[in-house]
Amino acid sequence: MAWKYRFVIAACARWEAPYAVEWLAYHRAIGFEHVYLYCNDDDPAELYETVLPFTQGPDPFVTFRFFPEQGMQRKMMLHFCAHNGNDSEWVSFLDLDEFLRLPPGQTLPDYMRAFEDKTDCLMFNWVYCGPNGHTTPPKSVLKDLTRRQNSIHPFTKMVFRSWILGLPELFRNAPDCSFIHRLHQYVDADIRPMNVLGEDMTDYYDDTHFAELADGWARGKQPLNRIFESGAFIHHFAFRTESAFTDRVARGLSGDFHGQGHWGRVAANEELRLGFTNSINAVEDLTLAKAWEQMISAAARHAMTPVSDPPLPLTPFAKAAPPARGYAAIVLVVKNEAADILAWLAWHRHLGFDAAIVYDDCSTDGTWEKLQEAAKFWDIRLSRTIGPRDVHYEIRQTKSYQHALSAYCGVFEWLGFLDADEFLQLSRHSSIRAITQ
């Protein structure tokens, strides 16, 4: 069968907008090719605006869907199975607080090569990660939340073959969303469930056995810690701030979220809350932080090296047919606009600009990183501003504009110059090409 993708994620998200870009970029980098993202917020606008660049282009990374009925995770995943279950060879049900960790240097296709002839359902255990003392959402989950529990959690998530979703008995037998943790208990077919150590998981979730594992984990006996040696498990950032216990209750307990009420009881017992928080902050683990830093630093290879000031006056170019490289580009000098930069880029791409030429003035709020990620989905010519740091910003801005004129007048017929707080509106025209021709 000719699959549209090899590896995809089906995900349900509620109150996850601050973390979505990092989560999407990470899983794209390790080898997932598409994400079917079900927004379960009361209003989808914030999350949709956040992930908008991932939904654009001829081969978007995200299919965005709004499902307003709170907590109905089973229904959302049923919708995925009915409409997109056959799009890929392999599927994973992940939440946006779960990051799949693989051995250093391996992508998911690399890692799965050793298992794909042995199993149809590879199961990865959780490990809880702690808030590291954060009282507000961290700028980066992967770089800022580097402490975890010292024991593997019994619960699992999976990477499994999509044909399993077509078995008619699956959703007859699964009355809730527990199938996102285990499939083999709900189907008649032998899907050869296996963990990352190559061990048969057929009886893993049997009541007596799983209860013993859960009790051992709760008592700190670490019955599953040999899985750490594999380097493959799921970092579960369920508690990204100190207030996460009450936040999980506040976001709602309807439908499949009813089990989150447990964390409200933990929050109400100070001794219990502190004990659990200390346990999930027990060990420093920089593996994902280092992997993320490597991914970010690799993007620097695509940045332009600042060049000397262009000669003035600039020689004007004669009007000619649109060059092969593009018809119109938008030029921006930006500093600390992380909150709005993705919306600005998406808007001007929607207007028909072929590219964005962006000069970042050493932003410190994550603007540079967001631009680097957006450059994977649109033609963004990214560099630092031109000129020394010890002169006024407007001088660097002017020199950057001069550089754009010198470097790109022969590449694009039209250049537009705007600031990040300026959005071009074309009230009677559908695109920049329509208004300029």
Protein backbone atom coordinates (compact mmCIF):
# COMPACT_ATOMS: atom_id res chain seq x y z
CA MET A 1 0.00 0.00 0.00
CA ALA A 2 1.24 3.49 -0.84
CA TRP A 3 1.06 5.39 2.44
CA LYS A 4 0.73 9.15 2.53
CA TYR A 5 3.06 9.16 5.56
CA ARG A 6 5.10 6.62 7.49
CA PHE A 7 4.78 8.03 11.01
CA VAL A 8 1.99 10.29 12.32
CA ILE A 9 0.65 11.50 15.66
CA ALA A 10 -2.96 11.93 16.66
CA ALA A 11 -3.12 14.39 19.56
CA CYS A 12 -5.73 16.03 21.76
CA ALA A 13 -4.85 19.42 23.28
CA ARG A 14 -6.49 21.58 25.93
CA TRP A 15 -4.72 24.62 27.39
CA GLU A 16 -1.52 23.78 25.49
CA ALA A 17 -0.92 26.87 23.32
CA PRO A 18 2.24 28.06 25.18
CA TYR A 19 3.93 24.73 24.55
CA ALA A 20 2.66 23.69 21.12
CA VAL A 21 5.40 25.07 18.84
CA GLU A 22 8.24 23.37 20.72
CA TRP A 23 6.34 20.08 20.90
CA LEU A 24 5.56 20.10 17.17
CA ALA A 25 9.07 21.10 16.15
CA TYR A 26 10.64 18.42 18.34
CA HIS A 27 8.52 15.57 17.03
CA ARG A 28 8.97 16.73 13.46
CA ALA A 29 12.73 16.69 14.01
CA ILE A 30 12.77 13.09 15.30
CA GLY A 31 10.90 11.77 12.29
CA PHE A 32 7.13 12.18 12.57
CA GLU A 33 5.75 13.41 9.26
CA HIS A 34 2.33 14.70 10.25
CA VAL A 35 0.23 15.59 13.30
CA TYR A 36 -3.56 15.46 13.47
CA LEU A 37 -4.16 18.02 16.21
CA TYR A 38 -7.55 18.11 17.94
CA CYS A 39 -8.07 21.37 19.83
CA ASN A 40 -10.31 20.86 22.86
CA ASP A 41 -10.15 24.46 24.12
CA ASP A 42 -13.35 26.42 24.69
CA ASP A 43 -12.11 28.86 22.00
CA PRO A 44 -9.68 27.49 19.38
CA ALA A 45 -8.29 30.89 18.35
CA GLU A 46 -5.17 30.94 20.54
CA LEU A 47 -3.98 27.45 19.67
CA TYR A 48 -4.82 27.87 15.99
CA GLU A 49 -2.88 31.13 15.77
CA THR A 50 0.06 29.47 17.52
CA VAL A 51 0.27 26.52 15.13
CA LEU A 52 -0.85 28.39 12.00
CA PRO A 53 2.54 28.24 10.22
CA PHE A 54 2.55 24.44 10.62
CA THR A 55 -0.80 24.21 8.81
CA GLN A 56 0.28 26.16 5.72
CA GLY A 57 1.92 25.25 2.43
CA PRO A 58 1.58 22.41 -0.07
CA ASP A 59 2.66 19.79 2.47
CA PRO A 60 1.59 21.07 5.91
CA PHE A 61 2.82 19.35 9.04
CA VAL A 62 -0.42 19.83 11.02
CA THR A 63 -4.07 19.10 10.31
CA PHE A 64 -5.98 21.26 12.81
CA ARG A 65 -9.44 20.32 14.07
CA PHE A 66 -11.62 21.96 16.70
CA PHE A 67 -13.62 19.65 18.97
CA PRO A 68 -15.50 21.80 21.51
CA GLU A 69 -17.00 19.04 23.69
CA GLN A 70 -14.74 19.08 26.72
CA GLY A 71 -12.81 15.96 27.63
CA MET A 72 -14.13 13.66 24.91
CA GLN A 73 -10.73 12.27 23.98
CA ARG A 74 -12.20 8.93 22.90
CA LYS A 75 -14.50 10.67 20.43
CA MET A 76 -11.63 12.73 19.03
CA MET A 77 -9.48 9.69 18.46
CA LEU A 78 -12.44 7.83 16.95
CA HIS A 79 -12.81 10.69 14.48
CA PHE A 80 -9.14 10.39 13.59
CA CYS A 81 -9.44 6.64 13.10
CA ALA A 82 -12.49 7.03 10.84
CA HIS A 83 -11.07 9.83 8.69
CA ASN A 84 -7.28 9.45 8.75
CA GLY A 85 -6.50 6.06 10.27
CA ASN A 86 -5.29 4.75 6.92
CA ASP A 87 -3.11 7.74 6.00
CA SER A 88 0.08 6.29 7.44
CA GLU A 89 1.90 3.07 8.15
CA TRP A 90 2.53 3.82 11.85
CA VAL A 91 0.50 5.88 14.36
CA SER A 92 1.08 7.21 17.85
CA PHE A 93 -1.41 8.72 20.29
CA LEU A 94 0.55 11.40 22.15
CA ASP A 95 -0.48 14.36 24.29
CA LEU A 96 1.32 17.69 24.10
CA ASP A 97 2.95 17.14 27.49
CA GLU A 98 4.58 13.91 26.24
CA PHE A 99 7.90 13.92 24.39
CA LEU A 100 9.09 10.67 22.85
CA ARG A 101 12.75 10.18 23.70
CA LEU A 102 15.00 8.05 21.52
CA PRO A 103 18.66 7.07 21.90
CA PRO A 104 21.00 9.97 21.02
CA GLY A 105 21.43 10.52 17.30
CA GLN A 106 18.52 8.31 16.23
CA THR A 107 15.34 9.33 14.45
CA LEU A 108 12.13 7.36 14.71
CA PRO A 109 12.64 5.59 11.34
CA ASP A 110 16.16 4.64 12.50
CA TYR A 111 14.91 3.32 15.80
CA MET A 112 11.93 1.41 14.45
CA ARG A 113 14.04 -0.47 11.93
CA ALA A 114 15.11 -2.91 14.66
CA PHE A 115 11.49 -3.63 15.67
CA GLU A 116 9.27 -3.43 12.61
CA ASP A 117 9.70 -7.12 11.73
CA LYS A 118 9.06 -8.20 15.33
CA THR A 119 6.06 -6.20 16.47
CA ASP A 120 3.00 -4.33 15.29
CA CYS A 121 2.80 -2.32 18.52
CA LEU A 122 5.91 -0.99 20.24
CA MET A 123 5.21 0.30 23.75
CA PHE A 124 7.15 3.12 25.44
CA ASN A 125 6.91 3.71 29.19
CA TRP A 126 6.44 7.10 30.84
CA VAL A 127 8.77 8.86 33.21
CA TYR A 128 7.37 11.86 35.07
CA CYS A 129 9.31 15.14 34.83
CA GLY A 130 9.11 17.91 37.41
CA PRO A 131 8.50 21.69 37.35
CA ASN A 132 12.03 22.62 38.51
CA GLY A 133 10.56 25.29 40.78
CA HIS A 134 8.74 27.13 37.96
CA THR A 135 5.70 29.07 39.11
CA THR A 136 4.92 30.37 35.60
CA PRO A 137 5.06 28.48 32.28
CA PRO A 138 8.69 27.94 31.22
CA LYS A 139 9.94 29.53 28.03
CA SER A 140 11.14 26.12 26.88
CA VAL A 141 9.95 22.82 28.30
CA LEU A 142 12.97 20.94 27.00
CA LYS A 143 15.62 23.43 28.10
CA ASP A 144 14.08 24.55 31.39
CA LEU A 145 12.50 21.39 32.80
CA THR A 146 15.50 19.10 33.11
CA ARG A 147 14.61 17.13 36.22
CA ARG A 148 12.70 13.87 36.33
CA GLN A 149 11.69 11.01 38.58
CA ASN A 150 14.24 8.30 39.24
CA SER A 151 11.82 5.51 38.35
CA ILE A 152 10.01 4.43 35.19
CA HIS A 153 6.22 4.76 35.38
CA PRO A 154 4.12 1.66 34.52
CA PHE A 155 1.86 3.46 32.01
CA THR A 156 2.79 3.28 28.34
CA LYS A 157 2.13 4.94 25.01
CA MET A 158 2.70 3.25 21.66
CA VAL A 159 3.88 3.43 18.08
CA PHE A 160 1.68 0.95 16.24
CA ARG A 161 0.68 -0.14 12.75
CA SER A 162 -2.37 1.66 11.43
CA TRP A 163 -4.18 -1.50 10.28
CA ILE A 164 -5.01 -2.18 13.93
CA LEU A 165 -7.37 0.81 13.90
CA GLY A 166 -9.46 -0.91 11.25
CA LEU A 167 -10.32 -3.88 13.46
CA PRO A 168 -14.07 -3.57 14.16
CA GLU A 169 -13.90 -4.98 17.68
CA LEU A 170 -11.44 -2.33 18.91
CA PHE A 171 -13.90 0.40 19.76
CA ARG A 172 -16.67 -1.98 20.72
CA ASN A 173 -14.39 -3.37 23.40
CA ALA A 174 -12.84 -0.06 24.54
CA PRO A 175 -15.50 1.88 26.45
CA ASP A 176 -13.17 4.79 27.31
CA CYS A 177 -9.89 6.23 26.06
CA SER A 178 -7.68 3.60 27.74
CA PHE A 179 -6.84 2.23 24.28
CA ILE A 180 -4.40 5.13 23.85
CA HIS A 181 -2.17 3.33 26.38
CA ARG A 182 -2.72 -0.23 25.17
CA LEU A 183 -4.39 -1.73 22.13
CA HIS A 184 -3.78 -5.44 22.48
CA GLN A 185 -6.38 -5.94 25.22
CA TYR A 186 -9.16 -4.70 22.94
CA VAL A 187 -8.51 -6.60 19.71
CA ASP A 188 -8.72 -10.25 18.76
CA ALA A 189 -5.75 -10.18 16.41
CA ASP A 190 -2.24 -10.89 17.67
CA ILE A 191 -0.48 -7.52 17.30
CA ARG A 192 2.68 -8.81 18.97
CA PRO A 193 2.91 -6.08 21.64
CA MET A 194 6.50 -5.49 22.71
CA ASN A 195 8.37 -3.01 24.86
CA VAL A 196 11.66 -1.31 23.97
CA LEU A 197 13.63 -4.14 25.59
CA GLY A 198 12.02 -6.61 23.20
CA GLU A 199 9.87 -8.16 25.93
CA ASP A 200 6.40 -9.53 25.23
CA MET A 201 3.75 -7.17 26.66
CA THR A 202 0.70 -9.39 26.13
CA ASP A 203 0.05 -9.89 29.85
CA TYR A 204 1.55 -6.59 31.04
CA TYR A 205 -1.78 -4.85 31.73
CA ASP A 206 -3.45 -7.84 33.37
CA ASP A 207 -4.97 -6.58 36.60
CA THR A 208 -2.77 -8.40 39.12
CA HIS A 209 0.50 -7.83 37.28
CA PHE A 210 -0.13 -4.15 36.56
CA ALA A 211 -1.31 -3.51 40.13
CA GLU A 212 1.98 -4.92 41.40
CA LEU A 213 3.94 -2.67 39.04
CA ALA A 214 1.93 0.41 40.04
CA ASP A 215 2.32 -0.36 43.73
CA GLY A 216 6.05 -0.86 43.30
CA TRP A 217 6.37 2.45 41.48
CA ALA A 218 4.34 4.29 44.14
CA ARG A 219 6.57 2.86 46.86
CA GLY A 220 9.78 3.77 45.03
CA LYS A 221 10.79 0.17 44.30
CA GLN A 222 11.69 0.97 40.67
CA PRO A 223 10.54 -2.34 39.14
CA LEU A 224 10.95 -1.10 35.54
CA ASN A 225 14.16 0.91 35.71
CA ARG A 226 16.03 -1.37 33.33
CA ILE A 227 14.14 0.52 30.62
CA PHE A 228 16.34 3.55 31.33
CA GLU A 229 19.22 1.59 29.77
CA SER A 230 17.42 1.52 26.42
CA GLY A 231 17.39 5.31 26.10
CA ALA A 232 13.83 5.08 24.72
CA PHE A 233 10.86 6.21 26.80
CA ILE A 234 8.45 9.13 27.12
CA HIS A 235 9.25 12.24 29.15
CA HIS A 236 5.86 13.13 30.62
CA PHE A 237 5.80 16.85 31.49
CA ALA A 238 2.40 16.72 33.16
CA PHE A 239 3.56 19.19 35.83
CA ARG A 240 5.29 22.09 34.09
CA THR A 241 4.64 24.56 36.92
CA GLU A 242 4.18 24.29 40.67
CA SER A 243 0.48 25.04 40.17
CA ALA A 244 -0.03 22.26 37.62
CA PHE A 245 -1.90 20.07 40.13
CA THR A 246 -4.72 22.58 40.48
CA ASP A 247 -4.46 23.63 36.82
CA ARG A 248 -5.29 20.10 35.70
CA VAL A 249 -8.50 20.31 37.71
CA ALA A 250 -9.30 23.87 36.62
CA ARG A 251 -9.16 23.04 32.92
CA GLY A 252 -12.14 20.72 33.45
CA LEU A 253 -13.05 17.21 34.56
CA SER A 254 -15.65 16.37 31.96
CA GLY A 255 -15.59 13.20 29.91
CA ASP A 256 -12.29 11.37 29.78
CA PHE A 257 -10.67 14.09 31.95
CA HIS A 258 -12.55 12.88 35.03
CA GLY A 259 -9.48 11.09 36.38
CA GLN A 260 -7.59 14.38 36.71
CA GLY A 261 -9.56 15.11 39.87
CA HIS A 262 -6.97 13.02 41.70
CA TRP A 263 -4.45 15.83 41.31
CA GLY A 264 -6.76 18.25 43.10
CA ARG A 265 -6.66 15.95 46.12
CA VAL A 266 -2.86 15.86 45.90
CA ALA A 267 -2.76 19.68 45.82
CA ALA A 268 -4.98 19.86 48.91
CA ASN A 269 -2.58 17.71 50.95
CA GLU A 270 0.60 19.76 51.41
CA GLU A 271 2.70 16.83 52.58
CA LEU A 272 1.57 14.68 49.69
CA ARG A 273 2.09 17.48 47.14
CA LEU A 274 5.60 18.29 48.35
CA GLY A 275 6.55 14.63 48.49
CA PHE A 276 5.38 13.97 44.95
CA THR A 277 6.95 17.20 43.61
CA ASN A 278 10.27 16.26 45.19
CA SER A 279 10.06 12.81 43.63
CA ILE A 280 9.55 14.14 40.09
CA ASN A 281 12.40 16.63 40.57
CA ALA A 282 14.75 13.92 41.88
CA VAL A 283 17.23 13.48 38.99
CA GLU A 284 18.75 15.96 36.56
CA ASP A 285 18.56 14.64 33.00
CA LEU A 286 19.88 16.93 30.26
CA THR A 287 19.41 14.49 27.38
CA LEU A 288 16.44 16.20 25.74
CA ALA A 289 17.80 19.67 26.51
CA LYS A 290 21.03 18.84 24.69
CA ALA A 291 19.17 17.26 21.78
CA TRP A 292 16.99 20.37 21.46
CA GLU A 293 20.02 22.67 21.59
CA GLN A 294 21.61 20.67 18.76
CA MET A 295 18.45 20.99 16.68
CA ILE A 296 18.33 24.75 17.24
CA SER A 297 22.04 25.28 16.57
CA ALA A 298 21.78 23.32 13.32
CA ALA A 299 19.37 25.96 12.04
CA ALA A 300 22.14 28.56 12.32
CA ARG A 301 23.76 27.02 9.24
CA HIS A 302 20.91 28.50 7.21
CA ALA A 303 21.41 32.04 8.51
CA MET A 304 23.18 34.64 6.40
CA THR A 305 26.57 35.93 7.48
CA PRO A 306 26.44 39.72 7.96
CA VAL A 307 28.15 41.51 5.10
CA SER A 308 29.71 44.92 4.73
CA ASP A 309 27.51 47.90 3.99
CA PRO A 310 26.43 48.14 0.36
CA PRO A 311 27.80 51.04 -1.70
CA LEU A 312 25.61 54.13 -1.91
CA PRO A 313 23.87 55.34 -3.92
CA LEU A 314 22.36 52.06 -5.06
CA THR A 315 21.98 51.58 -8.79
CA PRO A 316 18.28 51.16 -9.61
CA PHE A 317 17.21 48.05 -11.47
CA ALA A 318 15.23 48.39 -14.66
CA LYS A 319 11.70 47.01 -14.57
CA ALA A 320 11.69 43.47 -15.94
CA ALA A 321 9.58 40.33 -15.94
CA PRO A 322 9.29 38.70 -12.50
CA PRO A 323 12.54 36.79 -11.87
CA ALA A 324 12.45 33.06 -11.35
CA ARG A 325 13.24 33.35 -7.66
CA GLY A 326 10.05 35.22 -6.78
CA TYR A 327 7.72 38.08 -7.50
CA ALA A 328 7.35 39.91 -4.17
CA ALA A 329 9.07 39.75 -0.79
CA ILE A 330 8.35 41.52 2.48
CA VAL A 331 11.28 43.05 4.42
CA LEU A 332 11.23 43.26 8.22
CA VAL A 333 13.67 44.42 10.89
CA VAL A 334 12.51 42.96 14.19
CA LYS A 335 13.39 42.82 17.87
CA ASN A 336 11.52 40.96 20.61
CA GLU A 337 8.26 40.31 18.80
CA ALA A 338 7.81 36.64 19.73
CA ALA A 339 4.17 37.11 20.67
CA ASP A 340 3.13 38.32 17.20
CA ILE A 341 5.80 37.26 14.71
CA LEU A 342 4.14 34.01 13.57
CA ALA A 343 0.82 35.75 12.95
CA TRP A 344 2.64 38.52 11.03
CA LEU A 345 4.42 36.00 8.81
CA ALA A 346 1.27 33.95 8.22
CA TRP A 347 -0.74 37.04 7.29
CA HIS A 348 1.72 38.31 4.70
CA ARG A 349 2.19 34.84 3.28
CA HIS A 350 -1.61 34.73 2.93
CA LEU A 351 -1.43 37.97 0.92
CA GLY A 352 0.82 36.26 -1.61
CA PHE A 353 4.32 37.38 -0.72
CA ASP A 354 6.79 34.76 -1.94
CA ALA A 355 9.28 35.28 0.88
CA ALA A 356 10.12 37.26 3.99
CA ILE A 357 13.52 38.92 4.37
CA VAL A 358 13.98 39.28 8.12
CA TYR A 359 16.77 40.96 10.07
CA ASP A 360 16.63 40.13 13.78
CA ASP A 361 18.22 42.66 16.14
CA CYS A 362 19.45 40.11 18.71
CA SER A 363 16.02 39.34 20.20
CA THR A 364 16.00 37.83 23.66
CA ASP A 365 12.36 36.69 23.91
CA GLY A 366 12.43 33.73 21.51
CA THR A 367 11.73 35.66 18.30
CA TRP A 368 14.87 34.29 16.62
CA GLU A 369 13.97 30.70 17.46
CA LYS A 370 10.41 31.14 16.16
CA LEU A 371 11.77 32.60 12.93
CA GLN A 372 14.12 29.65 12.52
CA GLU A 373 11.25 27.22 12.95
CA ALA A 374 8.98 29.15 10.58
CA ALA A 375 11.76 29.07 7.97
CA LYS A 376 11.19 25.33 7.66
CA PHE A 377 7.75 26.03 6.22
CA TRP A 378 8.19 29.26 4.22
CA ASP A 379 10.98 31.02 2.37
CA ILE A 380 12.42 33.24 5.12
CA ARG A 381 15.83 34.84 4.44
CA LEU A 382 16.99 35.27 8.02
CA SER A 383 20.00 37.16 9.37
CA ARG A 384 21.02 39.47 12.17
CA THR A 385 20.78 43.22 11.67
CA ILE A 386 23.63 44.89 9.82
CA GLY A 387 25.97 47.11 11.80
CA PRO A 388 27.74 47.24 15.18
CA ARG A 389 25.84 46.72 18.43
CA ASP A 390 27.04 49.99 19.94
CA VAL A 391 25.15 52.26 17.55
CA HIS A 392 21.49 53.29 17.70
CA TYR A 393 18.91 50.74 16.58
CA GLU A 394 17.69 52.97 13.77
CA ILE A 395 21.16 52.96 12.23
CA ARG A 396 21.19 49.16 12.16
CA GLN A 397 17.66 49.21 10.77
CA THR A 398 18.69 51.57 7.96
CA LYS A 399 21.76 49.52 7.10
CA SER A 400 19.64 46.36 7.05
CA TYR A 401 17.18 48.00 4.66
CA GLN A 402 20.10 49.03 2.46
CA HIS A 403 21.39 45.48 2.49
CA ALA A 404 17.98 44.15 1.45
CA LEU A 405 17.85 46.59 -1.48
CA SER A 406 21.34 45.63 -2.58
CA ALA A 407 20.98 41.88 -2.15
CA TYR A 408 17.41 41.26 -3.30
CA CYS A 409 16.41 43.82 -5.92
CA GLY A 410 17.63 41.40 -8.55
CA VAL A 411 15.80 38.51 -6.96
CA PHE A 412 12.31 39.94 -6.43
CA GLU A 413 10.54 42.50 -8.58
CA TRP A 414 8.70 43.96 -5.62
CA LEU A 415 9.96 44.56 -2.06
CA GLY A 416 7.71 45.74 0.76
CA PHE A 417 9.10 47.30 3.95
CA LEU A 418 7.00 46.98 7.10
CA ASP A 419 7.42 46.80 10.88
CA ALA A 420 6.17 43.91 12.99
CA ASP A 421 3.25 46.00 14.27
CA GLU A 422 2.12 46.82 10.73
CA PHE A 423 -0.16 44.46 8.78
CA LEU A 424 -0.75 45.24 5.13
CA GLN A 425 -4.44 45.28 4.20
CA LEU A 426 -5.60 44.84 0.60
CA SER A 427 -9.27 45.71 0.83
CA ARG A 428 -10.16 45.41 -2.88
CA HIS A 429 -7.52 42.93 -3.99
CA SER A 430 -6.98 39.29 -3.16
CA SER A 431 -3.17 39.31 -3.25
CA ILE A 432 -0.07 41.44 -3.61
CA ARG A 433 0.23 40.26 -7.20
CA ALA A 434 -3.29 41.43 -7.98
CA ILE A 435 -2.63 44.94 -6.71
CA THR A 436 0.76 45.39 -8.40
CA GLN A 437 -0.04 44.07 -11.87
